[in-house]
Amino acid sequence: MLYRLAADALVLLHLAFILLVLFGGLLVLRWRPALLLHLPALAWGLAVEGLHLQCPLTHWENRMRLAAGDAGYHGGFVEHYIWPLIYPAGLTPHIQLLLGGVVLVLNLAIYSGVIWRWRRP
C-alpha cells in the first residue's frame, strides 16, 4: 500500500513538473526568483521531448508500482484521470517534437513579456 501511495504521489509530482515547465514563466512574472527554478525545469522538459529521453520520475514510479505488486495502471483516480494527461495514447516522437515546440514558443512569448516588463521604467 505504501509503494502504491508513493507511486501515486510521483504521478502528481510529475504532473506538477509538467505544469511548471509549461507555465513557470508566468510565475516568473510575479516572482523573479522563480527564474532559477523554471529555466532548468524548462531545459530538462525540452530535452526530454526533443531528445526522447525517459524522465527518471517515470522509472521510479514504475519501480514502486512493481514493488506494490501492480502490473499496470488500473483502478484508482490517479491512473484513470492523471496518467492519460501525462502520457496520452498515440504519443509519437513527431508529436513529442511538436509538443516541445509549443512549450518553447509559449515560454519564449512569456519571457519576452518578462524582459519587457523588467526593462520598463
N, C-alpha and C. Protein backbone atom coordinates (compact mmCIF):
# COMPACT_ATOMS: atom_id res chain seq x y z
N MET A 1 0.82 -1.19 0.00
CA MET A 1 0.00 0.00 0.00
C MET A 1 0.88 1.27 0.00
N LEU A 2 1.96 1.24 0.78
CA LEU A 2 2.84 2.40 0.86
C LEU A 2 3.51 2.68 -0.49
N TYR A 3 3.94 1.61 -1.18
CA TYR A 3 4.55 1.80 -2.50
C TYR A 3 3.54 2.38 -3.50
N ARG A 4 2.30 1.92 -3.41
CA ARG A 4 1.27 2.44 -4.32
C ARG A 4 1.03 3.93 -4.06
N LEU A 5 0.96 4.31 -2.80
CA LEU A 5 0.78 5.74 -2.46
C LEU A 5 1.97 6.56 -2.95
N ALA A 6 3.18 6.02 -2.78
CA ALA A 6 4.37 6.73 -3.25
C ALA A 6 4.34 6.88 -4.77
N ALA A 7 3.92 5.82 -5.47
CA ALA A 7 3.83 5.89 -6.93
C ALA A 7 2.79 6.92 -7.36
N ASP A 8 1.65 6.95 -6.67
CA ASP A 8 0.62 7.94 -6.99
C ASP A 8 1.13 9.36 -6.72
N ALA A 9 1.87 9.52 -5.64
CA ALA A 9 2.45 10.84 -5.33
C ALA A 9 3.44 11.25 -6.42
N LEU A 10 4.20 10.30 -6.94
CA LEU A 10 5.13 10.62 -8.03
C LEU A 10 4.40 11.04 -9.30
N VAL A 11 3.26 10.43 -9.58
CA VAL A 11 2.48 10.85 -10.75
C VAL A 11 2.02 12.30 -10.57
N LEU A 12 1.57 12.64 -9.38
CA LEU A 12 1.15 14.02 -9.13
C LEU A 12 2.33 14.98 -9.21
N LEU A 13 3.48 14.56 -8.70
CA LEU A 13 4.70 15.37 -8.81
C LEU A 13 5.09 15.55 -10.28
N HIS A 14 4.96 14.49 -11.05
CA HIS A 14 5.26 14.54 -12.48
C HIS A 14 4.35 15.55 -13.18
N LEU A 15 3.06 15.50 -12.85
CA LEU A 15 2.11 16.45 -13.44
C LEU A 15 2.46 17.89 -13.02
N ALA A 16 2.81 18.07 -11.76
CA ALA A 16 3.19 19.41 -11.29
C ALA A 16 4.44 19.92 -12.02
N PHE A 17 5.39 19.02 -12.27
CA PHE A 17 6.59 19.40 -13.00
C PHE A 17 6.25 19.82 -14.43
N ILE A 18 5.37 19.07 -15.08
CA ILE A 18 4.95 19.41 -16.44
C ILE A 18 4.28 20.79 -16.45
N LEU A 19 3.44 21.05 -15.47
CA LEU A 19 2.78 22.36 -15.39
C LEU A 19 3.80 23.47 -15.12
N LEU A 20 4.82 23.18 -14.33
CA LEU A 20 5.89 24.16 -14.10
C LEU A 20 6.63 24.46 -15.40
N VAL A 21 6.94 23.41 -16.17
CA VAL A 21 7.62 23.62 -17.45
C VAL A 21 6.76 24.48 -18.36
N LEU A 22 5.48 24.19 -18.43
CA LEU A 22 4.59 24.93 -19.33
C LEU A 22 4.35 26.36 -18.89
N PHE A 23 4.07 26.54 -17.61
CA PHE A 23 3.58 27.84 -17.15
C PHE A 23 4.46 28.52 -16.11
N GLY A 24 5.66 28.00 -15.88
CA GLY A 24 6.55 28.59 -14.88
C GLY A 24 6.95 30.02 -15.21
N GLY A 25 6.97 30.34 -16.50
CA GLY A 25 7.29 31.71 -16.89
C GLY A 25 6.29 32.72 -16.33
N LEU A 26 5.04 32.29 -16.20
CA LEU A 26 4.03 33.16 -15.60
C LEU A 26 4.33 33.42 -14.13
N LEU A 27 4.89 32.42 -13.46
CA LEU A 27 5.31 32.59 -12.07
C LEU A 27 6.46 33.60 -11.99
N VAL A 28 7.34 33.56 -12.99
CA VAL A 28 8.47 34.50 -13.02
C VAL A 28 7.97 35.94 -13.15
N LEU A 29 6.87 36.14 -13.85
CA LEU A 29 6.29 37.48 -13.96
C LEU A 29 5.95 38.05 -12.58
N ARG A 30 5.51 37.19 -11.67
CA ARG A 30 5.10 37.64 -10.35
C ARG A 30 6.22 37.58 -9.31
N TRP A 31 7.16 36.63 -9.52
CA TRP A 31 8.20 36.40 -8.51
C TRP A 31 9.50 36.07 -9.21
N ARG A 32 10.39 37.03 -9.32
CA ARG A 32 11.64 36.87 -10.09
C ARG A 32 12.49 35.67 -9.71
N PRO A 33 12.65 35.34 -8.43
CA PRO A 33 13.50 34.18 -8.10
C PRO A 33 13.01 32.87 -8.71
N ALA A 34 11.76 32.79 -9.12
CA ALA A 34 11.24 31.58 -9.76
C ALA A 34 12.00 31.26 -11.05
N LEU A 35 12.69 32.25 -11.60
CA LEU A 35 13.51 32.06 -12.79
C LEU A 35 14.55 30.96 -12.56
N LEU A 36 15.11 30.92 -11.34
CA LEU A 36 16.13 29.93 -11.02
C LEU A 36 15.57 28.51 -10.96
N LEU A 37 14.29 28.38 -10.76
CA LEU A 37 13.63 27.08 -10.76
C LEU A 37 13.09 26.74 -12.14
N HIS A 38 12.53 27.74 -12.81
CA HIS A 38 11.86 27.47 -14.08
C HIS A 38 12.82 27.18 -15.23
N LEU A 39 13.89 27.95 -15.37
CA LEU A 39 14.77 27.74 -16.52
C LEU A 39 15.38 26.33 -16.56
N PRO A 40 15.89 25.80 -15.44
CA PRO A 40 16.39 24.41 -15.51
C PRO A 40 15.27 23.40 -15.80
N ALA A 41 14.09 23.63 -15.23
CA ALA A 41 12.95 22.74 -15.50
C ALA A 41 12.57 22.80 -16.97
N LEU A 42 12.56 23.99 -17.53
CA LEU A 42 12.23 24.17 -18.94
C LEU A 42 13.26 23.47 -19.82
N ALA A 43 14.54 23.63 -19.48
CA ALA A 43 15.60 22.99 -20.26
C ALA A 43 15.45 21.47 -20.21
N TRP A 44 15.18 20.92 -19.04
CA TRP A 44 15.00 19.48 -18.92
C TRP A 44 13.77 19.01 -19.69
N GLY A 45 12.66 19.73 -19.57
CA GLY A 45 11.45 19.35 -20.28
C GLY A 45 11.64 19.36 -21.79
N LEU A 46 12.33 20.36 -22.29
CA LEU A 46 12.60 20.43 -23.73
C LEU A 46 13.55 19.32 -24.15
N ALA A 47 14.54 19.00 -23.31
CA ALA A 47 15.47 17.91 -23.63
C ALA A 47 14.74 16.57 -23.68
N VAL A 48 13.86 16.33 -22.72
CA VAL A 48 13.11 15.07 -22.68
C VAL A 48 12.26 14.93 -23.94
N GLU A 49 11.57 16.00 -24.32
CA GLU A 49 10.72 15.94 -25.51
C GLU A 49 11.54 15.89 -26.79
N GLY A 50 12.55 16.74 -26.89
CA GLY A 50 13.32 16.83 -28.13
C GLY A 50 14.27 15.67 -28.38
N LEU A 51 14.83 15.12 -27.30
CA LEU A 51 15.78 14.02 -27.44
C LEU A 51 15.17 12.66 -27.12
N HIS A 52 13.88 12.66 -26.80
CA HIS A 52 13.13 11.44 -26.49
C HIS A 52 13.77 10.67 -25.33
N LEU A 53 14.13 11.42 -24.28
CA LEU A 53 14.70 10.81 -23.08
C LEU A 53 13.57 10.32 -22.18
N GLN A 54 13.89 9.36 -21.33
CA GLN A 54 12.91 8.93 -20.35
C GLN A 54 13.12 9.71 -19.06
N CYS A 55 12.04 10.25 -18.54
CA CYS A 55 12.11 11.00 -17.30
C CYS A 55 12.36 10.04 -16.15
N PRO A 56 13.27 10.36 -15.23
CA PRO A 56 13.52 9.46 -14.10
C PRO A 56 12.30 9.27 -13.21
N LEU A 57 11.39 10.24 -13.18
CA LEU A 57 10.19 10.07 -12.37
C LEU A 57 9.37 8.88 -12.87
N THR A 58 9.33 8.68 -14.17
CA THR A 58 8.60 7.55 -14.74
C THR A 58 9.24 6.24 -14.30
N HIS A 59 10.55 6.18 -14.36
CA HIS A 59 11.26 4.97 -13.95
C HIS A 59 11.00 4.67 -12.47
N TRP A 60 11.11 5.68 -11.62
CA TRP A 60 10.90 5.47 -10.18
C TRP A 60 9.46 5.03 -9.90
N GLU A 61 8.53 5.65 -10.60
CA GLU A 61 7.13 5.29 -10.39
C GLU A 61 6.88 3.83 -10.77
N ASN A 62 7.41 3.41 -11.91
CA ASN A 62 7.21 2.04 -12.34
C ASN A 62 7.85 1.05 -11.36
N ARG A 63 9.00 1.38 -10.81
CA ARG A 63 9.63 0.51 -9.82
C ARG A 63 8.78 0.40 -8.56
N MET A 64 8.19 1.51 -8.14
CA MET A 64 7.33 1.48 -6.96
C MET A 64 6.06 0.68 -7.22
N ARG A 65 5.51 0.81 -8.40
CA ARG A 65 4.32 0.04 -8.75
C ARG A 65 4.64 -1.46 -8.76
N LEU A 66 5.78 -1.84 -9.29
CA LEU A 66 6.18 -3.24 -9.26
C LEU A 66 6.36 -3.73 -7.83
N ALA A 67 6.97 -2.89 -6.98
CA ALA A 67 7.16 -3.25 -5.58
C ALA A 67 5.82 -3.40 -4.85
N ALA A 68 4.82 -2.64 -5.31
CA ALA A 68 3.49 -2.73 -4.71
C ALA A 68 2.71 -3.93 -5.24
N GLY A 69 3.27 -4.61 -6.26
CA GLY A 69 2.59 -5.76 -6.81
C GLY A 69 1.65 -5.42 -7.95
N ASP A 70 1.68 -4.18 -8.42
CA ASP A 70 0.84 -3.77 -9.54
C ASP A 70 1.52 -4.14 -10.84
N ALA A 71 0.75 -4.61 -11.78
CA ALA A 71 1.30 -4.96 -13.09
C ALA A 71 1.10 -3.82 -14.08
N GLY A 72 0.20 -2.94 -13.80
CA GLY A 72 -0.08 -1.86 -14.75
C GLY A 72 -0.76 -0.70 -14.05
N TYR A 73 -1.40 0.12 -14.84
CA TYR A 73 -2.06 1.31 -14.33
C TYR A 73 -3.57 1.12 -14.38
N HIS A 74 -4.09 0.30 -13.49
CA HIS A 74 -5.52 0.03 -13.47
C HIS A 74 -6.09 0.49 -12.13
N GLY A 75 -7.32 0.92 -12.16
CA GLY A 75 -8.00 1.31 -10.94
C GLY A 75 -7.46 2.58 -10.33
N GLY A 76 -8.28 3.27 -9.61
CA GLY A 76 -7.86 4.45 -8.88
C GLY A 76 -7.96 5.74 -9.68
N PHE A 77 -8.12 6.80 -8.96
CA PHE A 77 -8.28 8.14 -9.55
C PHE A 77 -7.05 8.56 -10.35
N VAL A 78 -5.89 8.41 -9.76
CA VAL A 78 -4.66 8.90 -10.39
C VAL A 78 -4.46 8.23 -11.74
N GLU A 79 -4.55 6.91 -11.78
CA GLU A 79 -4.33 6.19 -13.05
C GLU A 79 -5.38 6.55 -14.09
N HIS A 80 -6.59 6.72 -13.64
CA HIS A 80 -7.67 6.95 -14.60
C HIS A 80 -7.68 8.37 -15.16
N TYR A 81 -7.40 9.36 -14.32
CA TYR A 81 -7.54 10.76 -14.75
C TYR A 81 -6.22 11.48 -15.00
N ILE A 82 -5.22 11.24 -14.19
CA ILE A 82 -3.97 11.98 -14.30
C ILE A 82 -3.04 11.37 -15.33
N TRP A 83 -2.88 10.05 -15.30
CA TRP A 83 -1.94 9.37 -16.19
C TRP A 83 -2.16 9.69 -17.66
N PRO A 84 -3.41 9.67 -18.18
CA PRO A 84 -3.61 9.99 -19.60
C PRO A 84 -3.21 11.43 -19.97
N LEU A 85 -3.22 12.32 -18.99
CA LEU A 85 -2.76 13.69 -19.26
C LEU A 85 -1.26 13.73 -19.50
N ILE A 86 -0.52 12.89 -18.75
CA ILE A 86 0.93 12.89 -18.86
C ILE A 86 1.37 12.07 -20.07
N TYR A 87 0.75 10.93 -20.28
CA TYR A 87 1.12 10.04 -21.39
C TYR A 87 -0.11 9.74 -22.24
N PRO A 88 -0.49 10.65 -23.13
CA PRO A 88 -1.68 10.40 -23.97
C PRO A 88 -1.45 9.23 -24.93
N ALA A 89 -2.52 8.56 -25.28
CA ALA A 89 -2.44 7.45 -26.23
C ALA A 89 -1.98 7.98 -27.58
N GLY A 90 -1.18 7.21 -28.26
CA GLY A 90 -0.72 7.59 -29.60
C GLY A 90 0.40 8.62 -29.62
N LEU A 91 1.07 8.82 -28.51
CA LEU A 91 2.17 9.79 -28.45
C LEU A 91 3.35 9.25 -29.26
N THR A 92 3.70 9.95 -30.32
CA THR A 92 4.79 9.53 -31.20
C THR A 92 5.96 10.51 -31.05
N PRO A 93 7.15 10.14 -31.54
CA PRO A 93 8.28 11.08 -31.50
C PRO A 93 7.97 12.38 -32.23
N HIS A 94 7.23 12.31 -33.32
CA HIS A 94 6.87 13.53 -34.05
C HIS A 94 5.97 14.43 -33.19
N ILE A 95 5.00 13.83 -32.54
CA ILE A 95 4.12 14.61 -31.67
C ILE A 95 4.91 15.19 -30.50
N GLN A 96 5.87 14.41 -29.96
CA GLN A 96 6.70 14.92 -28.87
C GLN A 96 7.48 16.16 -29.31
N LEU A 97 8.04 16.13 -30.52
CA LEU A 97 8.75 17.31 -31.04
C LEU A 97 7.80 18.49 -31.20
N LEU A 98 6.60 18.23 -31.67
CA LEU A 98 5.60 19.28 -31.81
C LEU A 98 5.25 19.88 -30.45
N LEU A 99 5.04 19.02 -29.46
CA LEU A 99 4.74 19.50 -28.11
C LEU A 99 5.90 20.30 -27.54
N GLY A 100 7.12 19.82 -27.78
CA GLY A 100 8.29 20.58 -27.33
C GLY A 100 8.35 21.95 -27.98
N GLY A 101 8.01 22.02 -29.27
CA GLY A 101 7.96 23.31 -29.96
C GLY A 101 6.92 24.24 -29.37
N VAL A 102 5.76 23.70 -29.02
CA VAL A 102 4.70 24.51 -28.40
C VAL A 102 5.19 25.05 -27.06
N VAL A 103 5.83 24.19 -26.27
CA VAL A 103 6.36 24.63 -24.97
C VAL A 103 7.40 25.73 -25.17
N LEU A 104 8.27 25.56 -26.14
CA LEU A 104 9.31 26.55 -26.41
C LEU A 104 8.70 27.88 -26.84
N VAL A 105 7.77 27.86 -27.78
CA VAL A 105 7.14 29.10 -28.26
C VAL A 105 6.37 29.78 -27.14
N LEU A 106 5.62 29.00 -26.36
CA LEU A 106 4.87 29.56 -25.24
C LEU A 106 5.80 30.27 -24.26
N ASN A 107 6.90 29.61 -23.92
CA ASN A 107 7.81 30.21 -22.95
C ASN A 107 8.60 31.37 -23.53
N LEU A 108 8.93 31.33 -24.81
CA LEU A 108 9.57 32.49 -25.43
C LEU A 108 8.65 33.71 -25.37
N ALA A 109 7.37 33.49 -25.61
CA ALA A 109 6.40 34.59 -25.53
C ALA A 109 6.31 35.12 -24.10
N ILE A 110 6.25 34.22 -23.14
CA ILE A 110 6.16 34.66 -21.74
C ILE A 110 7.41 35.40 -21.33
N TYR A 111 8.59 34.87 -21.67
CA TYR A 111 9.83 35.53 -21.28
C TYR A 111 10.05 36.83 -22.04
N SER A 112 9.50 36.97 -23.22
CA SER A 112 9.54 38.28 -23.89
C SER A 112 8.78 39.30 -23.06
N GLY A 113 7.63 38.87 -22.52
CA GLY A 113 6.87 39.74 -21.62
C GLY A 113 7.62 40.04 -20.33
N VAL A 114 8.31 39.05 -19.80
CA VAL A 114 9.10 39.24 -18.58
C VAL A 114 10.19 40.27 -18.82
N ILE A 115 10.93 40.11 -19.91
CA ILE A 115 12.03 41.04 -20.22
C ILE A 115 11.48 42.43 -20.48
N TRP A 116 10.39 42.52 -21.22
CA TRP A 116 9.78 43.82 -21.50
C TRP A 116 9.35 44.50 -20.18
N ARG A 117 8.78 43.70 -19.29
CA ARG A 117 8.30 44.25 -18.03
C ARG A 117 9.46 44.72 -17.15
N TRP A 118 10.57 43.97 -17.14
CA TRP A 118 11.73 44.35 -16.32
C TRP A 118 12.43 45.59 -16.88
N ARG A 119 12.33 45.82 -18.18
CA ARG A 119 13.00 46.98 -18.80
C ARG A 119 12.17 48.25 -18.73
N ARG A 120 10.91 48.11 -18.40
CA ARG A 120 10.06 49.31 -18.30
C ARG A 120 10.56 50.20 -17.19
N PRO A 121 10.45 51.51 -17.41
CA PRO A 121 10.88 52.44 -16.34
C PRO A 121 9.91 52.43 -15.17
